[in-house]
N, C-alpha and C. Protein backbone atom coordinates (compact mmCIF):
# COMPACT_ATOMS: atom_id res chain seq x y z
N MET A 1 33.80 249.56 104.44
CA MET A 1 35.07 250.34 103.88
C MET A 1 35.01 251.22 105.10
N ASN A 2 34.75 251.03 106.52
CA ASN A 2 34.39 252.37 107.20
C ASN A 2 35.83 252.88 107.96
N GLY A 3 36.38 253.83 107.76
CA GLY A 3 37.08 254.36 108.09
C GLY A 3 38.15 254.89 107.25
N PHE A 4 37.83 254.41 105.99
CA PHE A 4 38.56 255.18 105.05
C PHE A 4 38.34 256.16 104.33
N PRO A 5 38.92 256.90 104.48
CA PRO A 5 38.91 258.59 103.31
C PRO A 5 38.03 258.21 102.42
N VAL A 6 37.29 258.94 101.68
CA VAL A 6 36.59 259.21 100.60
C VAL A 6 37.43 258.57 99.20
N SER A 7 38.80 259.70 99.13
CA SER A 7 39.37 259.15 97.95
C SER A 7 39.67 257.72 97.66
N MET A 8 40.49 257.23 99.24
CA MET A 8 41.07 256.31 99.37
C MET A 8 39.94 254.65 98.74
N ARG A 9 38.93 254.89 99.56
CA ARG A 9 37.55 254.37 99.11
C ARG A 9 37.04 254.22 97.52
N CYS A 10 36.73 254.98 96.35
CA CYS A 10 37.18 255.16 95.34
C CYS A 10 38.30 254.84 94.24
N LEU A 11 39.50 254.56 95.33
CA LEU A 11 40.39 254.20 94.51
C LEU A 11 40.54 252.73 94.95
N ILE A 12 39.64 252.19 96.07
CA ILE A 12 39.77 250.89 96.59
C ILE A 12 39.00 249.86 95.18
N ASP A 13 37.75 250.70 95.10
CA ASP A 13 36.75 250.70 94.21
C ASP A 13 37.23 250.03 93.23
N GLU A 14 37.85 251.11 92.39
CA GLU A 14 38.32 251.09 91.44
C GLU A 14 38.90 249.83 90.56
N LEU A 15 40.32 249.65 91.87
CA LEU A 15 41.07 249.05 91.58
C LEU A 15 40.18 246.91 92.05
N ALA A 16 39.18 247.13 92.93
CA ALA A 16 38.79 246.11 92.87
C ALA A 16 37.55 245.57 91.27
N LYS A 17 37.32 246.34 90.60
CA LYS A 17 37.10 245.84 89.33
C LYS A 17 38.10 245.24 88.43
N MET A 18 38.92 244.69 88.56
CA MET A 18 40.33 244.47 87.83
C MET A 18 39.86 243.32 87.54
N PRO A 19 40.31 242.25 87.15
CA PRO A 19 40.38 240.48 86.97
C PRO A 19 40.65 240.30 87.93
N GLY A 20 40.90 238.99 89.06
CA GLY A 20 41.29 238.82 89.80
C GLY A 20 41.08 239.25 90.83
N VAL A 21 41.19 240.97 91.03
CA VAL A 21 41.80 241.64 92.06
C VAL A 21 40.20 241.67 92.71
N GLY A 22 40.53 240.77 94.04
CA GLY A 22 39.37 241.12 95.67
C GLY A 22 39.21 242.13 95.90
N PRO A 23 38.88 242.63 97.24
CA PRO A 23 38.74 243.44 98.32
C PRO A 23 39.82 243.88 98.87
N LYS A 24 40.53 242.39 99.39
CA LYS A 24 41.91 242.73 99.95
C LYS A 24 42.61 242.99 98.96
N SER A 25 43.18 242.37 97.78
CA SER A 25 43.97 242.66 97.50
C SER A 25 44.10 244.31 96.66
N ALA A 26 42.75 244.44 96.58
CA ALA A 26 42.62 245.73 95.66
C ALA A 26 42.80 246.89 97.11
N GLN A 27 42.75 246.57 98.67
CA GLN A 27 43.30 247.82 99.48
C GLN A 27 44.60 247.43 99.62
N ARG A 28 45.11 246.51 99.84
CA ARG A 28 47.01 246.37 99.64
C ARG A 28 47.62 247.47 98.55
N LEU A 29 46.88 247.19 96.92
CA LEU A 29 47.34 247.76 95.90
C LEU A 29 47.11 249.23 96.59
N ALA A 30 45.80 249.46 96.78
CA ALA A 30 45.65 251.14 96.93
C ALA A 30 46.22 251.77 97.99
N PHE A 31 47.04 251.07 99.18
CA PHE A 31 48.48 251.20 100.47
C PHE A 31 49.61 251.08 99.46
N TYR A 32 49.99 250.56 98.46
CA TYR A 32 50.80 250.59 98.11
C TYR A 32 51.31 251.75 96.84
N ILE A 33 50.07 251.81 96.29
CA ILE A 33 50.16 253.23 95.82
C ILE A 33 50.78 253.85 96.81
N LEU A 34 49.66 254.53 97.92
CA LEU A 34 49.79 255.45 98.49
C LEU A 34 50.59 256.33 99.59
N ARG A 35 51.57 255.07 99.47
CA ARG A 35 52.58 254.65 100.27
C ARG A 35 54.03 255.45 99.44
N ALA A 36 53.77 254.84 97.28
CA ALA A 36 54.55 255.18 96.92
C ALA A 36 54.79 256.75 96.16
N SER A 37 56.12 257.52 96.03
CA SER A 37 56.34 258.67 95.51
C SER A 37 55.24 259.45 94.62
N ARG A 38 55.36 260.85 94.97
CA ARG A 38 54.41 261.09 93.76
C ARG A 38 55.07 261.13 92.45
N GLU A 39 56.18 260.71 91.50
CA GLU A 39 56.61 260.55 91.35
C GLU A 39 56.34 259.34 90.14
N ASP A 40 56.25 258.05 91.14
CA ASP A 40 56.27 256.66 90.97
C ASP A 40 54.43 256.77 90.80
N ALA A 41 53.40 257.57 91.67
CA ALA A 41 51.72 257.74 91.11
C ALA A 41 51.82 258.23 90.10
N SER A 42 52.52 259.22 89.97
CA SER A 42 52.21 260.00 88.25
C SER A 42 52.58 259.37 87.14
N ALA A 43 54.18 258.21 87.42
CA ALA A 43 54.15 257.24 86.58
C ALA A 43 53.26 256.46 86.19
N LEU A 44 52.51 255.68 86.47
CA LEU A 44 51.42 254.83 86.83
C LEU A 44 50.25 255.25 86.39
N SER A 45 49.62 256.59 86.49
CA SER A 45 48.61 256.95 86.24
C SER A 45 48.78 257.34 84.57
N GLY A 46 50.14 257.87 84.16
CA GLY A 46 50.63 258.28 82.77
C GLY A 46 50.92 256.76 82.05
N ALA A 47 51.32 255.87 82.30
CA ALA A 47 51.22 254.61 81.61
C ALA A 47 49.85 254.20 81.37
N ILE A 48 49.15 254.19 82.52
CA ILE A 48 47.91 253.69 81.95
C ILE A 48 46.89 255.04 80.70
N LEU A 49 47.41 256.19 81.10
CA LEU A 49 46.59 256.88 79.85
C LEU A 49 47.21 256.34 78.69
N LYS A 50 48.39 256.61 78.70
CA LYS A 50 49.35 256.38 77.81
C LYS A 50 48.66 255.02 76.61
N VAL A 51 48.40 253.41 77.71
CA VAL A 51 48.10 252.75 77.12
C VAL A 51 46.62 252.86 76.45
N LYS A 52 45.46 254.27 77.07
CA LYS A 52 44.48 253.78 76.48
C LYS A 52 44.45 254.89 75.22
N ASP A 53 45.53 255.64 75.47
CA ASP A 53 46.09 256.44 74.34
C ASP A 53 46.40 256.12 72.95
N SER A 54 47.26 255.17 72.92
CA SER A 54 48.68 254.75 72.23
C SER A 54 47.87 253.33 71.57
N VAL A 55 47.47 252.25 72.83
CA VAL A 55 47.49 251.01 71.98
C VAL A 55 46.10 251.05 71.37
N ARG A 56 46.30 249.95 69.69
CA ARG A 56 44.97 249.60 68.99
C ARG A 56 45.45 248.52 69.26
N PHE A 57 44.64 247.81 67.65
CA PHE A 57 44.64 246.57 67.31
C PHE A 57 45.27 246.44 66.41
N CYS A 58 45.69 245.71 65.74
CA CYS A 58 46.56 245.86 64.46
C CYS A 58 45.80 245.35 63.44
N LYS A 59 45.70 246.15 62.00
CA LYS A 59 45.20 246.36 61.47
C LYS A 59 44.66 245.09 60.24
N VAL A 60 46.25 244.16 60.14
CA VAL A 60 46.17 243.24 59.97
C VAL A 60 45.92 241.48 60.64
N CYS A 61 46.27 241.42 61.71
CA CYS A 61 45.76 240.61 62.81
C CYS A 61 45.51 240.41 63.83
N ASN A 62 44.62 241.77 64.24
CA ASN A 62 44.48 242.45 65.12
C ASN A 62 44.79 241.91 66.42
N ASN A 63 46.65 241.99 66.69
CA ASN A 63 46.97 242.15 67.98
C ASN A 63 47.43 243.59 68.47
N LEU A 64 47.48 243.64 69.60
CA LEU A 64 47.75 244.82 70.47
C LEU A 64 49.08 245.35 69.61
N SER A 65 48.80 246.78 69.38
CA SER A 65 49.93 247.39 68.49
C SER A 65 49.83 248.86 68.75
N ASP A 66 50.89 249.44 68.93
CA ASP A 66 51.31 251.06 68.93
C ASP A 66 51.18 251.65 67.62
N GLU A 67 51.11 250.81 67.02
CA GLU A 67 51.07 251.96 65.42
C GLU A 67 49.74 250.89 64.46
N GLU A 68 50.19 251.00 63.71
CA GLU A 68 48.47 250.04 62.21
C GLU A 68 49.02 248.97 62.40
N ASP A 69 49.93 248.56 62.31
CA ASP A 69 50.95 247.19 62.07
C ASP A 69 51.62 246.65 62.87
N CYS A 70 51.72 245.29 63.76
CA CYS A 70 52.27 244.97 64.63
C CYS A 70 53.30 244.75 63.88
N GLU A 71 54.66 244.57 65.61
CA GLU A 71 55.79 244.44 65.37
C GLU A 71 55.60 242.68 64.29
N ILE A 72 55.06 242.00 64.81
CA ILE A 72 54.97 240.70 64.30
C ILE A 72 54.44 240.76 62.94
N CYS A 73 53.84 241.22 62.16
CA CYS A 73 53.15 241.70 60.75
C CYS A 73 53.99 242.52 60.23
N LYS A 74 54.95 243.45 60.50
CA LYS A 74 55.64 244.07 59.76
C LYS A 74 57.10 243.34 59.90
N SER A 75 57.58 242.21 60.85
CA SER A 75 58.82 241.41 60.91
C SER A 75 58.67 240.63 59.02
N SER A 76 59.98 241.06 58.68
CA SER A 76 60.61 240.29 56.97
C SER A 76 60.82 239.08 57.66
N LEU A 77 61.29 239.15 59.16
CA LEU A 77 61.76 236.76 59.08
C LEU A 77 61.14 236.56 59.85
N ARG A 78 59.37 236.51 59.81
CA ARG A 78 58.72 235.92 59.99
C ARG A 78 57.72 234.77 58.69
N ASP A 79 57.53 233.32 59.32
CA ASP A 79 57.25 232.54 57.69
C ASP A 79 55.43 233.36 57.41
N LYS A 80 55.71 234.10 56.55
CA LYS A 80 54.27 234.40 56.00
C LYS A 80 53.16 233.76 55.31
N GLU A 81 54.04 232.21 54.93
CA GLU A 81 52.69 231.03 54.92
C GLU A 81 52.86 229.92 55.90
N THR A 82 52.19 230.59 56.87
CA THR A 82 52.09 229.68 57.99
C THR A 82 51.28 230.59 59.22
N LEU A 83 50.01 230.72 59.16
CA LEU A 83 49.04 231.27 60.21
C LEU A 83 48.48 230.84 61.13
N CYS A 84 48.34 231.16 62.65
CA CYS A 84 48.21 230.78 63.51
C CYS A 84 47.08 231.54 63.96
N ILE A 85 46.25 230.52 64.47
CA ILE A 85 44.76 231.54 64.74
C ILE A 85 44.57 231.56 66.31
N VAL A 86 44.46 232.44 66.95
CA VAL A 86 43.86 232.36 68.31
C VAL A 86 42.86 233.54 68.95
N GLU A 87 42.22 232.73 69.78
CA GLU A 87 41.49 234.01 70.55
C GLU A 87 41.91 234.99 70.48
N GLU A 88 42.91 235.23 71.32
CA GLU A 88 43.02 236.54 72.13
C GLU A 88 44.35 236.97 71.84
N PRO A 89 44.53 238.31 72.13
CA PRO A 89 45.95 239.18 71.66
C PRO A 89 47.27 237.80 72.91
N ASN A 90 46.12 237.68 74.40
CA ASN A 90 47.50 236.95 75.19
C ASN A 90 47.63 235.71 75.26
N ASP A 91 47.22 235.39 73.53
CA ASP A 91 47.77 233.98 73.37
C ASP A 91 48.93 233.96 72.35
N ILE A 92 49.02 235.35 72.20
CA ILE A 92 50.61 235.07 71.01
C ILE A 92 51.37 235.37 71.87
N ILE A 93 51.41 236.30 73.02
CA ILE A 93 52.34 236.48 74.60
C ILE A 93 52.45 234.97 74.49
N THR A 94 52.03 233.93 74.89
CA THR A 94 51.93 232.60 75.50
C THR A 94 53.06 231.97 73.89
N ILE A 95 52.33 232.10 72.70
CA ILE A 95 53.00 230.81 71.72
C ILE A 95 54.29 231.93 71.83
N GLU A 96 54.46 232.75 71.89
CA GLU A 96 55.80 233.86 71.46
C GLU A 96 56.64 233.55 72.34
N ARG A 97 56.77 233.19 73.68
CA ARG A 97 57.39 232.51 75.16
C ARG A 97 58.00 231.53 74.78
N SER A 98 56.98 230.63 74.09
CA SER A 98 58.25 229.26 73.58
C SER A 98 58.85 229.58 72.57
N GLY A 99 59.13 229.97 72.07
CA GLY A 99 59.96 230.32 70.53
C GLY A 99 59.97 229.47 69.79
N ASP A 100 58.85 228.57 69.40
CA ASP A 100 58.90 227.20 68.80
C ASP A 100 58.14 227.80 67.19
N PHE A 101 57.61 229.09 67.75
CA PHE A 101 56.22 229.14 66.69
C PHE A 101 57.08 230.48 65.35
N LYS A 102 57.90 230.63 64.17
CA LYS A 102 57.62 231.67 63.73
C LYS A 102 57.29 231.91 62.29
N GLY A 103 55.79 231.61 62.09
CA GLY A 103 54.86 232.04 61.76
C GLY A 103 54.24 233.76 62.27
N ILE A 104 53.07 233.70 61.31
CA ILE A 104 52.66 234.82 61.74
C ILE A 104 50.87 234.83 62.14
N TYR A 105 50.09 235.61 62.86
CA TYR A 105 48.97 235.14 63.34
C TYR A 105 47.56 235.74 63.10
N HIS A 106 46.38 235.84 63.14
CA HIS A 106 44.80 235.83 63.82
C HIS A 106 44.70 235.91 64.47
N VAL A 107 44.36 237.04 65.19
CA VAL A 107 43.19 237.16 66.27
C VAL A 107 41.76 237.21 66.51
N LEU A 108 41.38 236.24 66.90
CA LEU A 108 39.56 236.37 66.64
C LEU A 108 39.12 237.29 67.75
N LEU A 109 39.23 237.97 68.47
CA LEU A 109 38.83 238.48 69.77
C LEU A 109 37.87 237.68 69.57
N GLY A 110 37.82 236.71 70.72
CA GLY A 110 36.66 235.84 71.20
C GLY A 110 37.03 234.61 70.25
N SER A 111 35.37 233.65 70.83
CA SER A 111 35.15 232.96 70.35
C SER A 111 33.37 232.36 70.31
N LEU A 112 33.59 231.82 69.58
CA LEU A 112 31.64 231.43 69.56
C LEU A 112 31.40 230.67 70.16
N SER A 113 30.70 231.09 71.00
CA SER A 113 29.35 231.12 72.32
C SER A 113 27.80 231.10 72.29
N PRO A 114 27.21 230.19 71.22
CA PRO A 114 25.99 230.52 71.19
C PRO A 114 25.51 230.80 72.04
N LEU A 115 25.13 230.49 73.68
CA LEU A 115 24.36 230.41 74.77
C LEU A 115 24.54 231.75 75.17
N ASP A 116 25.64 232.62 74.84
CA ASP A 116 25.58 233.95 75.24
C ASP A 116 25.41 235.09 73.96
N GLY A 117 25.01 234.05 72.61
CA GLY A 117 24.54 234.84 71.59
C GLY A 117 26.04 235.12 70.63
N ILE A 118 26.73 234.78 70.69
CA ILE A 118 28.02 234.99 69.74
C ILE A 118 28.10 234.30 68.75
N GLY A 119 28.23 234.65 67.86
CA GLY A 119 27.87 233.81 66.86
C GLY A 119 29.64 234.66 65.80
N PRO A 120 29.69 234.06 64.29
CA PRO A 120 30.26 234.02 63.66
C PRO A 120 31.04 235.66 63.20
N SER A 121 29.38 236.57 63.18
CA SER A 121 29.90 237.80 63.03
C SER A 121 30.50 239.06 64.08
N ASP A 122 30.81 238.36 64.86
CA ASP A 122 30.48 238.90 66.58
C ASP A 122 32.56 238.73 66.61
N ILE A 123 33.05 238.07 65.73
CA ILE A 123 34.76 237.83 65.72
C ILE A 123 35.11 238.42 64.68
N LYS A 124 36.32 237.74 64.76
CA LYS A 124 37.15 238.62 63.13
C LYS A 124 37.48 236.98 62.52
N ILE A 125 35.97 236.76 62.12
CA ILE A 125 36.00 235.55 60.81
C ILE A 125 35.98 236.04 59.79
N LYS A 126 35.12 237.16 59.33
CA LYS A 126 35.38 237.75 58.09
C LYS A 126 36.59 238.12 57.60
N GLU A 127 37.15 238.52 58.36
CA GLU A 127 38.31 239.21 58.26
C GLU A 127 39.47 237.82 57.84
N LEU A 128 39.43 236.78 58.85
CA LEU A 128 40.47 236.07 58.43
C LEU A 128 40.25 235.14 57.21
N LEU A 129 38.67 235.32 56.57
CA LEU A 129 38.27 234.89 55.62
C LEU A 129 39.30 235.61 54.46
N ASP A 130 39.23 236.74 54.87
CA ASP A 130 39.67 237.77 53.93
C ASP A 130 40.93 237.64 52.92
N ARG A 131 41.79 237.52 54.10
CA ARG A 131 43.09 236.87 54.41
C ARG A 131 43.28 235.81 53.63
N VAL A 132 42.73 234.70 54.04
CA VAL A 132 43.54 233.57 53.22
C VAL A 132 42.86 233.57 52.03
N LYS A 133 42.20 234.27 51.76
CA LYS A 133 41.84 234.12 50.06
C LYS A 133 42.98 235.63 49.33
N LYS A 134 43.45 236.44 50.00
CA LYS A 134 44.63 237.04 49.12
C LYS A 134 46.02 237.07 49.82
N GLU A 135 45.99 236.00 50.77
CA GLU A 135 47.40 235.69 51.26
C GLU A 135 47.56 233.95 50.64
N LYS A 136 46.96 233.38 50.23
CA LYS A 136 47.53 232.06 49.93
C LYS A 136 48.67 231.66 50.96
N PHE A 137 48.28 230.79 52.29
CA PHE A 137 48.46 230.49 53.40
C PHE A 137 49.01 228.72 52.87
N LYS A 138 50.10 228.43 53.38
CA LYS A 138 50.68 226.63 52.69
C LYS A 138 49.85 225.98 54.42
N GLU A 139 49.95 226.51 55.53
CA GLU A 139 49.16 225.66 56.76
C GLU A 139 48.69 226.91 57.57
N ILE A 140 47.37 226.32 58.20
CA ILE A 140 46.46 227.23 59.03
C ILE A 140 46.42 226.54 60.24
N ILE A 141 47.34 226.89 61.27
CA ILE A 141 47.45 226.29 62.79
C ILE A 141 46.18 227.06 62.93
N ILE A 142 44.82 225.56 63.83
CA ILE A 142 44.05 226.49 64.45
C ILE A 142 44.52 226.56 66.46
N ALA A 143 44.68 227.56 67.27
CA ALA A 143 45.00 227.25 67.89
C ALA A 143 44.21 228.09 69.02
N THR A 144 42.90 227.49 69.15
CA THR A 144 41.77 228.08 70.13
C THR A 144 42.36 227.44 71.31
N ASP A 145 41.65 227.47 72.32
CA ASP A 145 41.23 226.75 73.61
C ASP A 145 40.39 225.12 73.50
N PHE A 146 40.77 224.88 74.53
CA PHE A 146 40.29 223.45 74.55
C PHE A 146 39.12 223.31 75.47
N ASN A 147 38.71 223.78 75.30
CA ASN A 147 37.21 224.58 76.05
C ASN A 147 36.02 224.27 75.36
N THR A 148 34.74 224.53 75.87
CA THR A 148 33.71 223.97 75.07
C THR A 148 33.20 225.41 74.13
N GLU A 149 33.88 226.40 74.57
CA GLU A 149 34.05 227.49 73.04
C GLU A 149 34.90 227.49 71.99
N GLY A 150 36.29 227.21 72.62
CA GLY A 150 36.75 226.91 71.82
C GLY A 150 37.04 225.84 70.88
N GLU A 151 36.47 224.81 71.68
CA GLU A 151 36.09 223.62 70.48
C GLU A 151 35.20 223.84 69.46
N ALA A 152 34.32 225.03 70.23
CA ALA A 152 33.05 224.96 68.61
C ALA A 152 33.62 226.30 68.15
N THR A 153 34.71 226.99 68.48
CA THR A 153 35.28 228.16 67.41
C THR A 153 35.93 226.80 66.00
N SER A 154 36.73 226.09 67.08
CA SER A 154 37.68 225.74 65.76
C SER A 154 36.69 224.24 65.04
N LEU A 155 35.80 224.00 65.39
CA LEU A 155 35.00 222.95 64.14
C LEU A 155 34.38 224.05 63.11
N TYR A 156 33.84 225.46 63.72
CA TYR A 156 33.48 225.91 62.61
C TYR A 156 34.67 226.57 62.05
N LEU A 157 35.94 227.11 61.95
CA LEU A 157 36.56 227.01 61.13
C LEU A 157 37.06 225.84 60.47
N GLN A 158 37.62 224.84 60.93
CA GLN A 158 37.77 223.74 59.95
C GLN A 158 36.77 223.71 58.74
N LYS A 159 35.42 224.05 59.06
CA LYS A 159 34.33 224.05 58.41
C LYS A 159 34.91 225.15 57.25
N VAL A 160 35.04 225.92 57.54
CA VAL A 160 34.81 227.03 56.59
C VAL A 160 36.16 227.33 55.86
N LEU A 161 37.58 226.54 55.83
CA LEU A 161 38.59 226.53 55.51
C LEU A 161 38.60 225.78 55.25
N LYS A 162 37.76 224.53 54.74
CA LYS A 162 38.13 222.92 54.15
C LYS A 162 38.53 223.48 52.71
N LEU A 163 38.08 224.32 51.99
CA LEU A 163 38.51 224.66 51.08
C LEU A 163 39.02 225.47 50.18
N CYS A 164 40.32 225.72 51.04
CA CYS A 164 40.98 227.05 51.24
C CYS A 164 42.11 226.58 50.09
N GLY A 165 42.43 225.41 50.54
CA GLY A 165 44.01 225.24 49.51
C GLY A 165 45.12 225.16 50.77
N ALA A 166 45.07 225.01 51.58
CA ALA A 166 46.12 225.15 52.93
C ALA A 166 45.95 223.77 53.70
N VAL A 167 46.91 223.41 54.24
CA VAL A 167 46.31 222.34 55.29
C VAL A 167 46.18 223.20 56.42
N ILE A 168 45.43 222.48 56.77
CA ILE A 168 44.80 222.56 58.41
C ILE A 168 45.09 222.10 59.38
N THR A 169 45.90 222.34 59.99
CA THR A 169 45.32 221.61 61.50
C THR A 169 45.38 222.26 63.19
N ARG A 170 45.85 221.38 63.88
CA ARG A 170 44.94 221.68 64.95
C ARG A 170 46.12 221.27 65.87
N VAL A 171 46.32 222.54 66.92
CA VAL A 171 47.41 222.70 68.34
C VAL A 171 46.42 221.07 69.31
N ALA A 172 47.50 219.94 69.55
CA ALA A 172 46.92 218.72 70.32
C ALA A 172 47.70 218.65 71.17
N TYR A 173 48.72 218.01 71.90
CA TYR A 173 49.32 217.10 72.78
C TYR A 173 49.96 218.62 73.73
N GLY A 174 49.69 218.58 75.07
CA GLY A 174 49.51 219.35 76.21
C GLY A 174 48.81 220.34 76.85
N ILE A 175 47.88 220.74 75.79
CA ILE A 175 47.17 221.57 76.76
C ILE A 175 46.14 221.01 77.22
N PRO A 176 45.80 220.79 78.36
CA PRO A 176 43.87 220.12 79.23
C PRO A 176 43.08 220.77 78.42
N VAL A 177 42.50 219.22 78.35
CA VAL A 177 40.76 220.13 77.78
C VAL A 177 40.17 220.69 79.02
N GLY A 178 39.74 221.59 78.45
CA GLY A 178 38.86 222.33 79.41
C GLY A 178 40.20 223.79 79.91
N GLY A 179 41.19 223.61 78.89
CA GLY A 179 41.98 224.75 79.58
C GLY A 179 42.23 226.25 78.86
N ASP A 180 42.90 226.86 79.24
CA ASP A 180 43.15 227.98 78.44
C ASP A 180 44.28 228.36 77.93
N LEU A 181 44.65 228.83 76.84
CA LEU A 181 46.37 228.73 76.55
C LEU A 181 47.15 229.63 76.76
N GLN A 182 46.65 230.88 77.45
CA GLN A 182 47.06 232.10 77.77
C GLN A 182 47.83 231.38 79.46
N TYR A 183 47.12 230.26 80.19
CA TYR A 183 47.73 229.81 81.27
C TYR A 183 49.11 228.53 81.36
N ALA A 184 48.57 227.91 80.06
CA ALA A 184 50.02 227.29 79.72
C ALA A 184 51.61 227.51 79.48
N ASP A 185 52.12 226.52 80.08
CA ASP A 185 53.89 227.09 80.06
C ASP A 185 54.35 226.51 79.13
N GLN A 186 55.42 227.27 78.65
CA GLN A 186 56.27 226.90 77.71
C GLN A 186 56.67 225.68 77.04
N ALA A 187 56.78 224.85 78.14
CA ALA A 187 57.07 223.49 77.78
C ALA A 187 55.82 222.39 76.87
N THR A 188 54.69 222.84 77.65
CA THR A 188 53.48 222.45 77.35
C THR A 188 52.97 222.90 75.78
N ILE A 189 53.27 224.77 75.49
CA ILE A 189 52.80 225.12 74.31
C ILE A 189 54.13 224.54 73.22
N SER A 190 55.10 224.03 73.68
CA SER A 190 56.09 223.24 72.80
C SER A 190 55.65 221.87 72.52
N LYS A 191 55.10 220.96 72.55
CA LYS A 191 53.98 220.03 73.15
C LYS A 191 53.38 220.06 72.19
N ALA A 192 52.30 221.08 72.16
CA ALA A 192 51.56 221.26 71.27
C ALA A 192 51.47 221.78 70.00
N PHE A 193 52.32 222.65 69.90
CA PHE A 193 52.66 222.78 68.32
C PHE A 193 53.40 221.38 67.89
N GLU A 194 54.24 220.53 68.23
CA GLU A 194 54.77 219.41 68.39
C GLU A 194 53.88 218.95 67.10
N GLY A 195 52.87 218.42 68.29
CA GLY A 195 51.97 217.51 68.08
C GLY A 195 50.54 218.08 67.64
N ARG A 196 51.11 219.01 66.61
CA ARG A 196 49.87 219.49 65.58
C ARG A 196 49.14 217.93 64.98
N ARG A 197 48.01 218.03 64.78
CA ARG A 197 47.68 217.57 63.62
C ARG A 197 46.72 218.10 62.41
N GLN A 198 46.70 217.62 61.39
CA GLN A 198 45.80 217.88 60.53
C GLN A 198 44.31 217.62 60.39
N VAL A 199 43.28 218.47 59.96
CA VAL A 199 42.67 218.41 60.10
C VAL A 199 41.41 218.44 58.92
N ASN A 200 42.44 218.78 58.19
CA ASN A 200 41.24 218.45 56.83
C ASN A 200 42.58 217.96 55.65
N ALA A 201 42.13 217.11 54.39
CA ALA A 201 42.83 217.14 53.39
C ALA A 201 43.07 217.86 52.32
N GLN A 202 44.50 218.54 52.07
CA GLN A 202 44.50 219.56 51.19
C GLN A 202 43.79 219.75 49.99
N LYS A 203 42.61 220.53 49.84
CA LYS A 203 41.98 220.49 48.53
C LYS A 203 42.11 222.31 47.18
N SER A 204 42.38 222.30 46.82
CA SER A 204 42.28 223.37 45.87
C SER A 204 40.53 224.09 45.94
N ILE A 205 40.52 225.57 45.97
CA ILE A 205 38.62 225.90 45.37
C ILE A 205 38.88 225.82 44.29
């Protein structure tokens, strides 16, 4: 990047660290910021700092929130007896776009990956089991990704939730094998929830 001022090189380098942003995209973004008004640049930097200062994980479900409890957990309109387990907050946004699911969520903040040294204690499985004991759900939907890590996580959850007393289902049709939930479109998500299947017989502890 010879020919760029030091400040531009620093900005391009920082932008290039973002997922999916290569050197050329980083340069385009840097020139956009350079051409923007001082007010717009200030608004952008302020929004970034506000996110860092105010956004946290919901103390109940681990979704992103500006407060201790997220909007979904606080809502009186949600079905509190149906729980959907997802890997990341992005997955909630994808499911909510479909408009078909009216229950509540638990975000694991990751998935099991033995090859990477990520086990049950490294994601929010203990917190999930604590919720299940307290809240007594009628149905628990496992909506982890259909890749190797997501499937390993699903199988582990089926094992540890087997005797919880709830019907355990797994989203099925529409999500391609090897695909990530957050990249699925609205129709695909709808079909996946319509076609979810039970993965255990309902039992009481």
